[in-house]
Amino acid sequence: MIIKESAENYLEAILSIKKAKGNVRSIDVANDLGVSKPSVSVAMKNFREEGYVTVDENGFLDLTEKGMEIAKSVYERHLVIAKALMALGVSEETAYEDSCKIEHCISVESFEKLKEFLNKSIK
């Protein structure tokens, strides 16, 4: 299954909310992404069916191994791209906004080279 940008955003949101709060509910994802609760419900149903997310008896969302792999990858791209932009002098706010857009379309090759360059440059 090819994961689209919106799906990546949902999975990344679950990961980042879980890091910040410990537990994640659909309403947290809706608030984080600025989407409606019904939109999140539909997405979570699809993610459960595809094996990316589980929901416990209390309504807490959790990423499966498959979902976590995607979320971590997107989250890493987000952080690395933002860090690179800030190293170039872009403001933190703009760097994070722009990294949200770039993280979905950057090639694996370009991302790896950017990460390699950043690791060598900022020590």
C-alpha atoms as a PDB file:
ATOM      1  CA  MET A   1       0.000   0.000   0.000  1.00  0.00           C
ATOM      2  CA  ILE A   2       1.323   3.422  -0.939  1.00  0.00           C
ATOM      3  CA  ILE A   3       0.901   5.868   1.910  1.00  0.00           C
ATOM      4  CA  LYS A   4      -0.319   9.303   0.853  1.00  0.00           C
ATOM      5  CA  GLU A   5       0.678  12.604   2.428  1.00  0.00           C
ATOM      6  CA  SER A   6      -2.471  12.866   4.548  1.00  0.00           C
ATOM      7  CA  ALA A   7      -1.955   9.344   5.904  1.00  0.00           C
ATOM      8  CA  GLU A   8       1.655  10.187   6.747  1.00  0.00           C
ATOM      9  CA  ASN A   9       0.419  13.265   8.601  1.00  0.00           C
ATOM     10  CA  TYR A  10      -2.023  11.196  10.669  1.00  0.00           C
ATOM     11  CA  LEU A  11       0.602   8.606  11.596  1.00  0.00           C
ATOM     12  CA  GLU A  12       3.188  11.270  12.417  1.00  0.00           C
ATOM     13  CA  ALA A  13       0.612  13.111  14.550  1.00  0.00           C
ATOM     14  CA  ILE A  14      -0.110   9.959  16.550  1.00  0.00           C
ATOM     15  CA  LEU A  15       3.612   9.494  17.184  1.00  0.00           C
ATOM     16  CA  SER A  16       4.266  13.099  18.206  1.00  0.00           C
ATOM     17  CA  ILE A  17       1.182  13.281  20.464  1.00  0.00           C
ATOM     18  CA  LYS A  18       2.151  10.005  22.106  1.00  0.00           C
ATOM     19  CA  LYS A  19       5.645  11.401  22.778  1.00  0.00           C
ATOM     20  CA  ALA A  20       4.159  14.555  24.296  1.00  0.00           C
ATOM     21  CA  LYS A  21       1.167  13.207  26.221  1.00  0.00           C
ATOM     22  CA  GLY A  22       1.670   9.465  26.580  1.00  0.00           C
ATOM     23  CA  ASN A  23      -1.830   8.588  25.324  1.00  0.00           C
ATOM     24  CA  VAL A  24      -3.554   9.508  22.087  1.00  0.00           C
ATOM     25  CA  ARG A  25      -7.261   9.743  21.330  1.00  0.00           C
ATOM     26  CA  SER A  26      -8.895  10.584  18.016  1.00  0.00           C
ATOM     27  CA  ILE A  27      -9.817  14.043  19.287  1.00  0.00           C
ATOM     28  CA  ASP A  28      -6.130  14.753  19.958  1.00  0.00           C
ATOM     29  CA  VAL A  29      -5.306  13.911  16.354  1.00  0.00           C
ATOM     30  CA  ALA A  30      -8.196  16.051  15.096  1.00  0.00           C
ATOM     31  CA  ASN A  31      -7.027  19.018  17.173  1.00  0.00           C
ATOM     32  CA  ASP A  32      -3.381  18.562  16.177  1.00  0.00           C
ATOM     33  CA  LEU A  33      -4.109  18.388  12.463  1.00  0.00           C
ATOM     34  CA  GLY A  34      -7.029  20.824  12.419  1.00  0.00           C
ATOM     35  CA  VAL A  35      -9.420  18.285  10.918  1.00  0.00           C
ATOM     36  CA  SER A  36     -12.849  17.073  12.007  1.00  0.00           C
ATOM     37  CA  LYS A  37     -13.372  14.187  14.415  1.00  0.00           C
ATOM     38  CA  PRO A  38     -15.376  12.274  11.751  1.00  0.00           C
ATOM     39  CA  SER A  39     -12.419  12.588   9.345  1.00  0.00           C
ATOM     40  CA  VAL A  40     -10.129  11.093  11.973  1.00  0.00           C
ATOM     41  CA  SER A  41     -12.640   8.302  12.674  1.00  0.00           C
ATOM     42  CA  VAL A  42     -12.727   7.325   9.004  1.00  0.00           C
ATOM     43  CA  ALA A  43      -8.936   7.456   8.759  1.00  0.00           C
ATOM     44  CA  MET A  44      -8.486   5.361  11.917  1.00  0.00           C
ATOM     45  CA  LYS A  45     -10.955   2.759  10.634  1.00  0.00           C
ATOM     46  CA  ASN A  46      -8.906   2.481   7.444  1.00  0.00           C
ATOM     47  CA  PHE A  47      -5.634   2.358   9.383  1.00  0.00           C
ATOM     48  CA  ARG A  48      -6.983  -0.406  11.656  1.00  0.00           C
ATOM     49  CA  GLU A  49      -8.088  -2.411   8.611  1.00  0.00           C
ATOM     50  CA  GLU A  50      -4.688  -1.941   6.980  1.00  0.00           C
ATOM     51  CA  GLY A  51      -2.803  -2.855  10.166  1.00  0.00           C
ATOM     52  CA  TYR A  52      -1.226   0.531  10.947  1.00  0.00           C
ATOM     53  CA  VAL A  53      -3.119   1.411  14.139  1.00  0.00           C
ATOM     54  CA  THR A  54      -4.819  -0.316  17.056  1.00  0.00           C
ATOM     55  CA  VAL A  55      -7.467   1.121  19.371  1.00  0.00           C
ATOM     56  CA  ASP A  56      -7.836  -0.185  22.907  1.00  0.00           C
ATOM     57  CA  GLU A  57     -11.025  -0.510  24.971  1.00  0.00           C
ATOM     58  CA  ASN A  58     -10.531   3.046  26.311  1.00  0.00           C
ATOM     59  CA  GLY A  59     -10.298   4.552  22.828  1.00  0.00           C
ATOM     60  CA  PHE A  60      -6.555   5.133  22.945  1.00  0.00           C
ATOM     61  CA  LEU A  61      -4.735   4.888  19.631  1.00  0.00           C
ATOM     62  CA  ASP A  62      -1.451   3.102  19.217  1.00  0.00           C
ATOM     63  CA  LEU A  63       0.750   2.505  16.207  1.00  0.00           C
ATOM     64  CA  THR A  64       1.488  -1.033  15.121  1.00  0.00           C
ATOM     65  CA  GLU A  65       5.020  -1.919  14.099  1.00  0.00           C
ATOM     66  CA  LYS A  66       4.051  -1.179  10.501  1.00  0.00           C
ATOM     67  CA  GLY A  67       2.505   2.186  11.441  1.00  0.00           C
ATOM     68  CA  MET A  68       5.429   3.096  13.694  1.00  0.00           C
ATOM     69  CA  GLU A  69       7.914   2.482  10.885  1.00  0.00           C
ATOM     70  CA  ILE A  70       6.160   5.013   8.662  1.00  0.00           C
ATOM     71  CA  ALA A  71       5.573   7.525  11.465  1.00  0.00           C
ATOM     72  CA  LYS A  72       9.222   7.450  12.566  1.00  0.00           C
ATOM     73  CA  SER A  73      10.409   7.904   8.996  1.00  0.00           C
ATOM     74  CA  VAL A  74       8.173  10.942   8.429  1.00  0.00           C
ATOM     75  CA  TYR A  75       9.031  12.374  11.849  1.00  0.00           C
ATOM     76  CA  GLU A  76      12.758  12.012  11.154  1.00  0.00           C
ATOM     77  CA  ARG A  77      12.417  13.725   7.767  1.00  0.00           C
ATOM     78  CA  HIS A  78      10.458  16.519   9.445  1.00  0.00           C
ATOM     79  CA  LEU A  79      13.123  17.131  12.102  1.00  0.00           C
ATOM     80  CA  VAL A  80      16.144  16.808   9.810  1.00  0.00           C
ATOM     81  CA  ILE A  81      14.713  19.104   7.146  1.00  0.00           C
ATOM     82  CA  ALA A  82      13.728  21.701   9.754  1.00  0.00           C
ATOM     83  CA  LYS A  83      17.195  21.535  11.313  1.00  0.00           C
ATOM     84  CA  ALA A  84      18.819  21.968   7.893  1.00  0.00           C
ATOM     85  CA  LEU A  85      16.655  24.973   7.085  1.00  0.00           C
ATOM     86  CA  MET A  86      17.427  26.575  10.448  1.00  0.00           C
ATOM     87  CA  ALA A  87      21.146  25.979   9.821  1.00  0.00           C
ATOM     88  CA  LEU A  88      20.714  28.011   6.639  1.00  0.00           C
ATOM     89  CA  GLY A  89      19.222  30.878   8.641  1.00  0.00           C
ATOM     90  CA  VAL A  90      15.503  30.187   8.234  1.00  0.00           C
ATOM     91  CA  SER A  91      13.456  31.061  11.317  1.00  0.00           C
ATOM     92  CA  GLU A  92      12.360  28.126  13.458  1.00  0.00           C
ATOM     93  CA  GLU A  93       8.654  28.698  12.763  1.00  0.00           C
ATOM     94  CA  THR A  94       9.143  28.869   8.991  1.00  0.00           C
ATOM     95  CA  ALA A  95      11.571  25.928   9.019  1.00  0.00           C
ATOM     96  CA  TYR A  96       9.023  23.672  10.711  1.00  0.00           C
ATOM     97  CA  GLU A  97       6.191  24.854   8.462  1.00  0.00           C
ATOM     98  CA  ASP A  98       8.258  24.259   5.330  1.00  0.00           C
ATOM     99  CA  SER A  99       9.575  20.909   6.554  1.00  0.00           C
ATOM    100  CA  CYS A 100       5.946  19.722   6.837  1.00  0.00           C
ATOM    101  CA  LYS A 101       5.590  20.276   3.116  1.00  0.00           C
ATOM    102  CA  ILE A 102       9.004  19.031   1.993  1.00  0.00           C
ATOM    103  CA  GLU A 103       8.998  15.847   4.127  1.00  0.00           C
ATOM    104  CA  HIS A 104       6.385  14.226   1.894  1.00  0.00           C
ATOM    105  CA  CYS A 105       7.997  14.773  -1.479  1.00  0.00           C
ATOM    106  CA  ILE A 106      11.745  14.523  -0.871  1.00  0.00           C
ATOM    107  CA  SER A 107      13.354  11.439  -2.405  1.00  0.00           C
ATOM    108  CA  VAL A 108      15.132   8.891  -0.238  1.00  0.00           C
ATOM    109  CA  GLU A 109      18.405   9.717  -1.995  1.00  0.00           C
ATOM    110  CA  SER A 110      18.089  13.471  -1.442  1.00  0.00           C
ATOM    111  CA  PHE A 111      17.025  13.019   2.175  1.00  0.00           C
ATOM    112  CA  GLU A 112      19.943  10.702   2.959  1.00  0.00           C
ATOM    113  CA  LYS A 113      22.412  13.137   1.363  1.00  0.00           C
ATOM    114  CA  LEU A 114      20.877  16.064   3.257  1.00  0.00           C
ATOM    115  CA  LYS A 115      21.112  14.132   6.519  1.00  0.00           C
ATOM    116  CA  GLU A 116      24.711  13.126   5.757  1.00  0.00           C
ATOM    117  CA  PHE A 117      25.636  16.723   4.932  1.00  0.00           C
ATOM    118  CA  LEU A 118      23.949  18.036   8.050  1.00  0.00           C
ATOM    119  CA  ASN A 119      25.698  15.495  10.271  1.00  0.00           C
ATOM    120  CA  LYS A 120      29.080  16.527   8.850  1.00  0.00           C
ATOM    121  CA  SER A 121      28.380  20.254   8.976  1.00  0.00           C
ATOM    122  CA  ILE A 122      26.828  20.632  12.418  1.00  0.00           C
ATOM    123  CA  LYS A 123      28.968  19.070  15.083  1.00  0.00           C
END
